[in-house]
Amino acid sequence: MKSFQAAMRFLTILPGPLRPSENALSDSPYWFPVVGLFIGGIVALVDASFRLLQGLVRFGDLGWHEMDGAGLSLLLEGVVPLALLAVITGGLHLDGFMDCCDGLLRVEDRKTRLSTMRDPRVGAYAVIGVVVLLLAKGTALAALPIESRLWTIVLIPGLSRWAILLVMSRFPYVRESGIGRPFLSAGRARPLLIGSAIALPAALALTGGFGLILLGTAALTGWAVGRWSNRLIGGVTGDVYGATCEISETALFFVAALITLANPSLLSSPLLP
C-alpha cells in the first residue's frame, strides 16, 4: 500500500508520506488510474450534492430576481467540478500543461525549449493556453447531460491518468533528472499493462460500451501529445505527463458531452439503477 500512498501523495493534495521510499515511488504509476477514479468520485459526489441543492433552492426565493437562474445554474455546473479538479490535484497537471505551452509552442531549438519548460516564470503562451483549456473543459462539463453525468465524471479522471501511463511506455524520458524520472524504474510496459487491467473494467462497469469510446479517446489523445513532444524535444518530461493528463481530460469530457447529447442511449452502465 506504500506505492498507493505515494501515488495519492503525488497526484493529489491529500496527506501521505512526506518522503516516500524510492521503491514506493517507482511502483506508484500502477495506481495512477485508481487515484484518478478516486478524484473523479470526489468530484462527482460534490457535483451530485450541488445538483440536489439546486433542486431544493429556487433562485427567485433568495431575492435574485434579476439573475437568469438557468444560465447561472449551467455556469456553476461547469465551474464547480472544474475548480474541484484543479484544487484536489493542487494544480500539478495544469502547471505541467502551462510549462509545455511556453516551451513547446515557441519556435526554438530543443535545448531552449527544455530550458524554457523549467523556467518558473509564466509566459504568454502559458496564459493563453490555460485559459483556452479551462474554458473548453468547463464548457464540456456544463454540457454533460444528467443521464451520463455522474459516472462520466467518476471515470474520466481515471482514464486521463491512464493516458500518462501510455505516454510513459511509448516515449523516452529526455531529462537526466526530474519529477517524472523515478516513475520509470519499474519499466515501461508493466505499469501500462496493470493500469489497463484497471482502466478497461472500470470503463465498462461505469459507462458500458460507451467506456470503450472514451478509452480509445484517451489512448489517441495521449499518443498525440507524446508524439508531438517527441518530435520537438526528442522525448517527454514530467511536464509532458501533466499536459497529457489535462489535454486528455478535456478531450474526454468533450467527446462524452457530444456523444451523449446526440445519443444518451449509448450509456449503459450496469451500475445505474
Protein backbone atom coordinates (compact mmCIF):
# COMPACT_ATOMS: atom_id res chain seq x y z
CA MET A 1 0.00 0.00 0.00
CA LYS A 2 3.01 2.31 0.26
CA SER A 3 3.04 2.69 -3.52
CA PHE A 4 -0.66 3.63 -3.46
CA GLN A 5 0.02 6.22 -0.75
CA ALA A 6 2.90 7.58 -2.83
CA ALA A 7 0.63 7.89 -5.88
CA MET A 8 -2.05 9.61 -3.80
CA ARG A 9 0.50 11.99 -2.34
CA PHE A 10 1.95 12.83 -5.75
CA LEU A 11 -1.30 13.26 -7.69
CA THR A 12 -3.42 14.98 -5.03
CA ILE A 13 -3.17 17.37 -2.10
CA LEU A 14 -4.38 14.64 0.25
CA PRO A 15 -1.95 13.71 3.05
CA GLY A 16 0.50 10.88 2.58
CA PRO A 17 4.13 10.02 3.30
CA LEU A 18 6.23 13.17 3.06
CA ARG A 19 9.19 11.28 1.64
CA PRO A 20 8.05 8.02 0.05
CA SER A 21 10.74 5.41 -0.49
CA GLU A 22 12.32 5.01 -3.89
CA ASN A 23 10.59 1.66 -4.39
CA ALA A 24 7.18 3.08 -3.41
CA LEU A 25 7.63 5.99 -5.82
CA SER A 26 8.76 3.78 -8.70
CA ASP A 27 5.76 1.45 -8.20
CA SER A 28 3.24 4.27 -7.77
CA PRO A 29 2.30 4.55 -11.50
CA TYR A 30 0.42 1.25 -11.17
CA TRP A 31 -2.08 3.17 -9.05
CA PHE A 32 -2.49 6.25 -11.26
CA PRO A 33 -5.85 5.13 -12.74
CA VAL A 34 -7.14 4.20 -9.27
CA VAL A 35 -6.21 7.59 -7.87
CA GLY A 36 -7.86 9.21 -10.88
CA LEU A 37 -11.08 7.29 -10.20
CA PHE A 38 -10.86 8.38 -6.57
CA ILE A 39 -10.53 12.02 -7.67
CA GLY A 40 -13.45 11.58 -10.04
CA GLY A 41 -15.53 10.05 -7.27
CA ILE A 42 -14.99 13.06 -5.01
CA VAL A 43 -15.83 15.50 -7.80
CA ALA A 44 -18.93 13.51 -8.80
CA LEU A 45 -20.14 13.35 -5.19
CA VAL A 46 -19.83 17.12 -4.75
CA ASP A 47 -21.39 17.71 -8.17
CA ALA A 48 -24.36 15.47 -7.31
CA SER A 49 -24.79 17.26 -3.98
CA PHE A 50 -24.73 20.60 -5.77
CA ARG A 51 -27.38 19.42 -8.22
CA LEU A 52 -29.52 18.20 -5.33
CA LEU A 53 -29.17 21.61 -3.70
CA GLN A 54 -30.28 23.20 -6.95
CA GLY A 55 -33.45 21.18 -6.79
CA LEU A 56 -34.19 22.41 -3.27
CA VAL A 57 -33.32 26.06 -3.70
CA ARG A 58 -35.12 28.47 -6.00
CA PHE A 59 -33.09 31.49 -7.07
CA GLY A 60 -36.17 33.71 -7.01
CA ASP A 61 -36.82 32.80 -3.39
CA LEU A 62 -33.39 34.17 -2.49
CA GLY A 63 -34.22 37.55 -4.00
CA TRP A 64 -32.06 37.17 -7.09
CA HIS A 65 -34.92 38.17 -9.37
CA GLU A 66 -32.75 39.89 -11.94
CA MET A 67 -30.50 36.88 -12.44
CA ASP A 68 -31.04 34.29 -15.10
CA GLY A 69 -31.31 31.27 -12.81
CA ALA A 70 -30.96 28.72 -15.60
CA GLY A 71 -27.88 30.44 -17.02
CA LEU A 72 -26.25 30.74 -13.61
CA SER A 73 -27.02 27.10 -12.90
CA LEU A 74 -25.41 25.99 -16.16
CA LEU A 75 -22.34 28.12 -15.46
CA LEU A 76 -21.89 26.62 -11.99
CA GLU A 77 -22.31 23.09 -13.36
CA GLY A 78 -19.13 23.73 -15.33
CA VAL A 79 -17.23 25.80 -12.76
CA VAL A 80 -17.80 23.65 -9.66
CA PRO A 81 -16.30 20.37 -10.98
CA LEU A 82 -13.63 22.29 -12.89
CA ALA A 83 -12.47 24.04 -9.73
CA LEU A 84 -12.54 20.82 -7.73
CA LEU A 85 -10.37 19.01 -10.27
CA ALA A 86 -7.79 21.78 -10.01
CA VAL A 87 -7.90 22.04 -6.21
CA ILE A 88 -7.71 18.30 -5.46
CA THR A 89 -4.65 17.92 -7.68
CA GLY A 90 -3.00 21.07 -6.37
CA GLY A 91 -2.77 22.35 -9.94
CA LEU A 92 0.02 19.82 -10.63
CA HIS A 93 -1.07 18.86 -14.13
CA LEU A 94 -2.10 22.40 -15.02
CA ASP A 95 1.40 23.56 -14.13
CA GLY A 96 2.90 20.96 -16.47
CA PHE A 97 0.49 21.95 -19.21
CA MET A 98 1.43 25.62 -18.87
CA ASP A 99 5.15 24.80 -18.96
CA CYS A 100 4.58 22.81 -22.14
CA CYS A 101 2.70 25.71 -23.72
CA ASP A 102 5.60 28.06 -23.04
CA GLY A 103 8.26 25.58 -24.16
CA LEU A 104 6.70 23.61 -27.00
CA LEU A 105 4.65 26.31 -28.73
CA ARG A 106 7.68 28.54 -29.24
CA VAL A 107 9.77 28.29 -32.40
CA GLU A 108 13.06 27.43 -30.70
CA ASP A 109 15.71 24.72 -30.70
CA ARG A 110 15.46 21.66 -28.44
CA LYS A 111 17.80 22.97 -25.74
CA THR A 112 15.94 26.29 -25.46
CA ARG A 113 12.58 24.52 -25.29
CA LEU A 114 13.75 22.32 -22.41
CA SER A 115 15.22 25.31 -20.60
CA THR A 116 12.00 27.30 -21.03
CA MET A 117 9.92 24.43 -19.64
CA ARG A 118 11.99 24.57 -16.44
CA ASP A 119 11.68 28.33 -16.11
CA PRO A 120 9.27 29.10 -13.22
CA ARG A 121 8.14 32.31 -14.90
CA VAL A 122 4.82 32.22 -16.76
CA GLY A 123 4.79 33.35 -20.37
CA ALA A 124 2.08 34.49 -22.77
CA TYR A 125 1.67 31.05 -24.34
CA ALA A 126 1.02 29.52 -20.92
CA VAL A 127 -1.62 32.11 -20.02
CA ILE A 128 -3.43 31.81 -23.35
CA GLY A 129 -3.20 28.03 -23.30
CA VAL A 130 -4.57 27.55 -19.79
CA VAL A 131 -7.44 29.99 -20.41
CA VAL A 132 -8.46 28.10 -23.55
CA LEU A 133 -8.10 24.74 -21.79
CA LEU A 134 -10.19 25.73 -18.77
CA LEU A 135 -12.89 27.32 -20.92
CA ALA A 136 -13.07 24.20 -23.06
CA LYS A 137 -13.20 21.83 -20.11
CA GLY A 138 -15.72 23.93 -18.21
CA THR A 139 -17.97 24.15 -21.27
CA ALA A 140 -17.84 20.39 -21.78
CA LEU A 141 -18.61 19.74 -18.11
CA ALA A 142 -21.59 22.10 -18.19
CA ALA A 143 -22.91 20.35 -21.30
CA LEU A 144 -22.86 16.83 -19.84
CA PRO A 145 -26.44 15.53 -19.75
CA ILE A 146 -27.89 14.32 -16.49
CA GLU A 147 -28.24 10.77 -17.87
CA SER A 148 -24.48 10.27 -18.08
CA ARG A 149 -23.07 12.98 -15.84
CA LEU A 150 -22.33 11.07 -12.62
CA TRP A 151 -20.44 8.06 -13.94
CA THR A 152 -18.70 10.05 -16.65
CA ILE A 153 -17.23 12.43 -14.07
CA VAL A 154 -16.09 9.44 -12.00
CA LEU A 155 -14.45 7.70 -14.95
CA ILE A 156 -12.69 10.40 -16.95
CA PRO A 157 -10.05 11.43 -14.37
CA GLY A 158 -9.07 7.75 -14.14
CA LEU A 159 -8.70 7.44 -17.91
CA SER A 160 -6.69 10.66 -18.19
CA ARG A 161 -4.20 9.28 -15.63
CA TRP A 162 -4.11 6.04 -17.60
CA ALA A 163 -3.10 8.12 -20.64
CA ILE A 164 0.00 9.18 -18.69
CA LEU A 165 1.00 5.50 -18.44
CA LEU A 166 0.62 5.18 -22.21
CA VAL A 167 2.98 8.10 -22.77
CA MET A 168 5.44 6.67 -20.22
CA SER A 169 5.50 3.36 -22.09
CA ARG A 170 5.82 4.74 -25.61
CA PHE A 171 8.20 7.71 -25.45
CA PRO A 172 11.67 8.20 -23.91
CA TYR A 173 12.24 10.46 -20.93
CA VAL A 174 14.68 13.17 -22.02
CA ARG A 175 15.95 14.58 -18.72
CA GLU A 176 18.64 13.03 -16.55
CA SER A 177 16.58 14.03 -13.53
CA GLY A 178 13.15 15.47 -12.99
CA ILE A 179 9.75 14.86 -11.49
CA GLY A 180 8.95 12.01 -13.88
CA ARG A 181 12.28 10.15 -13.77
CA PRO A 182 11.59 7.98 -10.65
CA PHE A 183 8.43 6.55 -12.23
CA LEU A 184 10.43 4.79 -14.94
CA SER A 185 12.29 2.48 -12.55
CA ALA A 186 9.56 -0.16 -12.77
CA GLY A 187 9.94 -0.36 -16.56
CA ARG A 188 7.77 0.97 -19.35
CA ALA A 189 5.33 -1.79 -20.29
CA ARG A 190 4.32 -3.20 -16.91
CA PRO A 191 2.64 -0.08 -15.47
CA LEU A 192 0.63 0.30 -18.68
CA LEU A 193 -0.50 -3.34 -18.60
CA ILE A 194 -1.54 -3.17 -14.96
CA GLY A 195 -3.14 0.25 -15.45
CA SER A 196 -5.06 -1.09 -18.45
CA ALA A 197 -6.30 -4.02 -16.36
CA ILE A 198 -7.82 -1.38 -14.06
CA ALA A 199 -8.98 1.19 -16.61
CA LEU A 200 -10.76 -1.17 -19.01
CA PRO A 201 -13.02 -2.89 -16.42
CA ALA A 202 -13.73 0.49 -14.82
CA ALA A 203 -14.75 1.94 -18.19
CA LEU A 204 -17.07 -0.98 -18.93
CA ALA A 205 -18.54 -1.05 -15.42
CA LEU A 206 -19.22 2.68 -15.19
CA THR A 207 -20.33 3.50 -18.72
CA GLY A 208 -20.78 0.20 -20.56
CA GLY A 209 -19.78 0.13 -24.23
CA PHE A 210 -19.57 3.93 -24.15
CA GLY A 211 -16.47 3.49 -21.98
CA LEU A 212 -14.61 1.87 -24.88
CA ILE A 213 -15.07 5.06 -26.90
CA LEU A 214 -13.65 7.08 -24.00
CA LEU A 215 -10.73 4.68 -23.52
CA GLY A 216 -9.91 4.96 -27.22
CA THR A 217 -10.09 8.75 -26.98
CA ALA A 218 -7.68 8.72 -24.03
CA ALA A 219 -5.26 6.50 -25.95
CA LEU A 220 -5.39 8.61 -29.10
CA THR A 221 -5.01 11.91 -27.23
CA GLY A 222 -2.17 10.61 -25.05
CA TRP A 223 -0.32 9.25 -28.07
CA ALA A 224 -0.78 12.53 -29.96
CA VAL A 225 0.63 14.61 -27.09
CA GLY A 226 3.58 12.25 -26.66
CA ARG A 227 4.26 12.20 -30.39
CA TRP A 228 4.15 16.00 -30.55
CA SER A 229 6.61 16.32 -27.68
CA ASN A 230 8.86 13.60 -29.10
CA ARG A 231 9.09 15.44 -32.40
CA LEU A 232 10.02 18.75 -30.75
CA ILE A 233 12.36 17.71 -27.91
CA GLY A 234 13.18 14.08 -28.67
CA GLY A 235 11.02 12.60 -25.92
CA VAL A 236 8.92 13.60 -22.94
CA THR A 237 9.31 15.17 -19.49
CA GLY A 238 7.27 15.34 -16.30
CA ASP A 239 5.62 18.47 -17.68
CA VAL A 240 4.50 16.48 -20.72
CA TYR A 241 2.93 13.91 -18.40
CA GLY A 242 0.93 16.73 -16.81
CA ALA A 243 -0.05 18.14 -20.20
CA THR A 244 -1.12 14.66 -21.29
CA CYS A 245 -3.46 14.42 -18.32
CA GLU A 246 -5.01 17.86 -18.86
CA ILE A 247 -5.43 17.60 -22.63
CA SER A 248 -6.78 14.05 -22.41
CA GLU A 249 -9.22 15.01 -19.67
CA THR A 250 -10.53 17.95 -21.70
CA ALA A 251 -10.85 15.87 -24.86
CA LEU A 252 -12.65 13.12 -22.94
CA PHE A 253 -15.20 15.48 -21.43
CA PHE A 254 -15.84 16.99 -24.85
CA VAL A 255 -16.32 13.59 -26.50
CA ALA A 256 -18.57 12.46 -23.66
CA ALA A 257 -20.72 15.59 -23.93
CA LEU A 258 -21.01 15.45 -27.72
CA ILE A 259 -21.84 11.76 -27.96
CA THR A 260 -24.27 11.55 -25.07
CA LEU A 261 -26.04 14.73 -26.10
CA ALA A 262 -26.53 13.24 -29.54
CA ASN A 263 -27.47 9.78 -28.26
CA PRO A 264 -27.82 9.31 -24.48
CA SER A 265 -28.71 5.63 -25.02
CA LEU A 266 -25.02 4.89 -25.61
CA LEU A 267 -24.64 4.98 -21.85
CA SER A 268 -25.49 1.55 -20.46
CA SER A 269 -23.81 1.27 -17.10
CA PRO A 270 -24.65 -1.88 -15.14
CA LEU A 271 -24.21 0.23 -12.01
CA LEU A 272 -27.12 2.51 -12.89
CA PRO A 273 -30.41 1.74 -11.10
